[in-house]
Amino acid sequence: MSEQENIELVRKFCGAWAGGDVGAIVGFFADDAIYHNIPVNPVQGKDAIKGLIEQFMAPFERAEFEITHIAANGDDVLTERLDRFVGEKSVELPVMGTFEVKDGKITSWRDYFDLSMWTKQMS
């Protein structure tokens, strides 16, 4: 895929979070993909990724990923985002994300954020 196609895939993935359909979100991943929220341990495989997303989203009704910057170099797509998790409590978090894309699927996703910002807003 071209760099532009990889960027569009990541844009669609980020947009899918607003719908709240975990199955649709997980559908963007390759079967053996790795998801790593850098402050916590990585998980591998669609089932593990689905479980982590469900756990992460449990206290929220939906999430919105606002991409403020996006760039690609080959199969690597970098995002700067403002992630908003909306529910009884809401969280707004600046995030840097790295996506590796192969054959139209996300093979690796790493997000970098300040865990203390998350914890303060959840308490």
Protein backbone atom coordinates (compact mmCIF):
# COMPACT_ATOMS: atom_id res chain seq x y z
CA MET A 1 0.00 0.00 0.00
CA SER A 2 1.09 3.58 -0.55
CA GLU A 3 1.88 5.95 2.30
CA GLN A 4 -1.37 7.81 1.59
CA GLU A 5 -3.37 4.56 1.76
CA ASN A 6 -1.68 3.71 5.08
CA ILE A 7 -2.60 7.17 6.42
CA GLU A 8 -6.21 6.70 5.31
CA LEU A 9 -6.36 3.30 7.00
CA VAL A 10 -5.16 4.81 10.30
CA ARG A 11 -7.64 7.70 9.93
CA LYS A 12 -10.48 5.19 9.46
CA PHE A 13 -9.25 3.17 12.43
CA CYS A 14 -9.19 6.24 14.66
CA GLY A 15 -12.63 7.25 13.42
CA ALA A 16 -14.04 3.80 14.17
CA TRP A 17 -13.66 4.40 17.91
CA ALA A 18 -16.51 6.92 17.85
CA GLY A 19 -18.90 4.13 16.85
CA GLY A 20 -18.00 2.06 19.91
CA ASP A 21 -18.08 -1.24 17.97
CA VAL A 22 -15.11 -3.17 19.36
CA GLY A 23 -15.47 -5.83 16.66
CA ALA A 24 -15.13 -3.19 13.95
CA ILE A 25 -12.11 -1.70 15.71
CA VAL A 26 -10.40 -5.08 16.06
CA GLY A 27 -11.12 -5.78 12.37
CA PHE A 28 -8.39 -3.30 11.43
CA PHE A 29 -5.70 -5.55 12.97
CA ALA A 30 -3.73 -8.43 11.48
CA ASP A 31 -4.31 -11.73 13.30
CA ASP A 32 -0.93 -11.62 15.07
CA ALA A 33 -0.83 -7.85 15.66
CA ILE A 34 0.73 -6.28 18.74
CA TYR A 35 -0.95 -3.49 20.74
CA HIS A 36 1.16 -1.69 23.31
CA ASN A 37 -0.03 1.15 25.51
CA ILE A 38 3.50 1.98 26.56
CA PRO A 39 2.74 2.47 30.27
CA VAL A 40 1.34 -1.09 30.46
CA ASN A 41 2.33 -4.49 29.06
CA PRO A 42 1.80 -5.24 25.35
CA VAL A 43 -0.71 -7.80 24.08
CA GLN A 44 -0.58 -9.85 20.90
CA GLY A 45 -3.32 -11.30 18.71
CA LYS A 46 -6.84 -10.13 17.93
CA ASP A 47 -8.44 -11.86 20.93
CA ALA A 48 -6.01 -10.26 23.39
CA ILE A 49 -6.38 -6.86 21.71
CA LYS A 50 -10.17 -7.15 21.85
CA GLY A 51 -10.03 -8.02 25.54
CA LEU A 52 -7.77 -5.06 26.33
CA ILE A 53 -9.93 -2.63 24.37
CA GLU A 54 -13.08 -3.91 26.09
CA GLN A 55 -11.43 -3.51 29.50
CA PHE A 56 -10.14 -0.05 28.61
CA MET A 57 -13.54 1.09 27.29
CA ALA A 58 -15.70 -0.47 30.05
CA PRO A 59 -16.24 2.79 32.00
CA PHE A 60 -17.01 4.81 28.85
CA GLU A 61 -19.81 5.14 26.33
CA ARG A 62 -17.53 6.08 23.46
CA ALA A 63 -14.14 7.45 22.47
CA GLU A 64 -13.14 10.14 20.02
CA PHE A 65 -9.63 10.27 18.57
CA GLU A 66 -8.87 13.73 17.19
CA ILE A 67 -5.83 13.51 14.95
CA THR A 68 -3.89 16.76 15.10
CA HIS A 69 -0.91 15.57 13.03
CA ILE A 70 -0.30 12.50 10.91
CA ALA A 71 2.65 11.40 8.78
CA ALA A 72 3.83 8.24 7.07
CA ASN A 73 7.14 6.78 6.07
CA GLY A 74 6.51 3.62 4.11
CA ASP A 75 4.52 1.22 6.29
CA ASP A 76 4.91 3.36 9.43
CA VAL A 77 2.26 5.94 10.33
CA LEU A 78 2.76 8.41 13.18
CA THR A 79 -0.10 10.26 14.83
CA GLU A 80 -0.38 13.04 17.34
CA ARG A 81 -3.87 12.90 18.82
CA LEU A 82 -6.17 14.18 21.48
CA ASP A 83 -8.10 11.13 22.70
CA ARG A 84 -11.38 11.76 24.51
CA PHE A 85 -13.15 9.03 26.44
CA VAL A 86 -16.73 9.98 27.24
CA GLY A 87 -18.90 8.46 29.95
CA GLU A 88 -19.94 9.12 33.54
CA LYS A 89 -16.37 10.33 33.92
CA SER A 90 -14.58 11.73 30.93
CA VAL A 91 -10.90 11.69 30.11
CA GLU A 92 -9.00 13.83 27.62
CA LEU A 93 -5.49 12.69 26.87
CA PRO A 94 -2.75 13.85 24.48
CA VAL A 95 -1.27 10.80 22.76
CA MET A 96 1.48 9.99 20.28
CA GLY A 97 0.79 6.82 18.34
CA THR A 98 2.90 4.66 16.05
CA PHE A 99 1.21 2.27 13.65
CA GLU A 100 2.88 -0.33 11.46
CA VAL A 101 0.74 -1.35 8.49
CA LYS A 102 1.15 -4.36 6.21
CA ASP A 103 -1.24 -5.46 3.45
CA GLY A 104 -4.03 -3.19 4.65
CA LYS A 105 -3.93 -4.31 8.30
CA ILE A 106 -2.37 -2.83 11.43
CA THR A 107 0.41 -5.17 12.55
CA SER A 108 1.64 -3.05 15.47
CA TRP A 109 0.17 -0.15 17.42
CA ARG A 110 2.07 1.67 20.14
CA ASP A 111 0.61 4.60 22.06
CA TYR A 112 2.67 6.90 24.24
CA PHE A 113 0.91 8.96 26.91
CA ASP A 114 1.22 10.14 30.49
CA LEU A 115 -0.44 7.49 32.67
CA SER A 116 -0.68 9.94 35.61
CA MET A 117 -2.91 12.21 33.47
CA TRP A 118 -5.22 9.25 32.88
CA THR A 119 -5.22 8.25 36.56
CA LYS A 120 -5.97 11.80 37.81
CA GLN A 121 -8.94 12.16 35.48
CA MET A 122 -10.32 8.73 36.44
CA SER A 123 -10.20 9.39 40.20
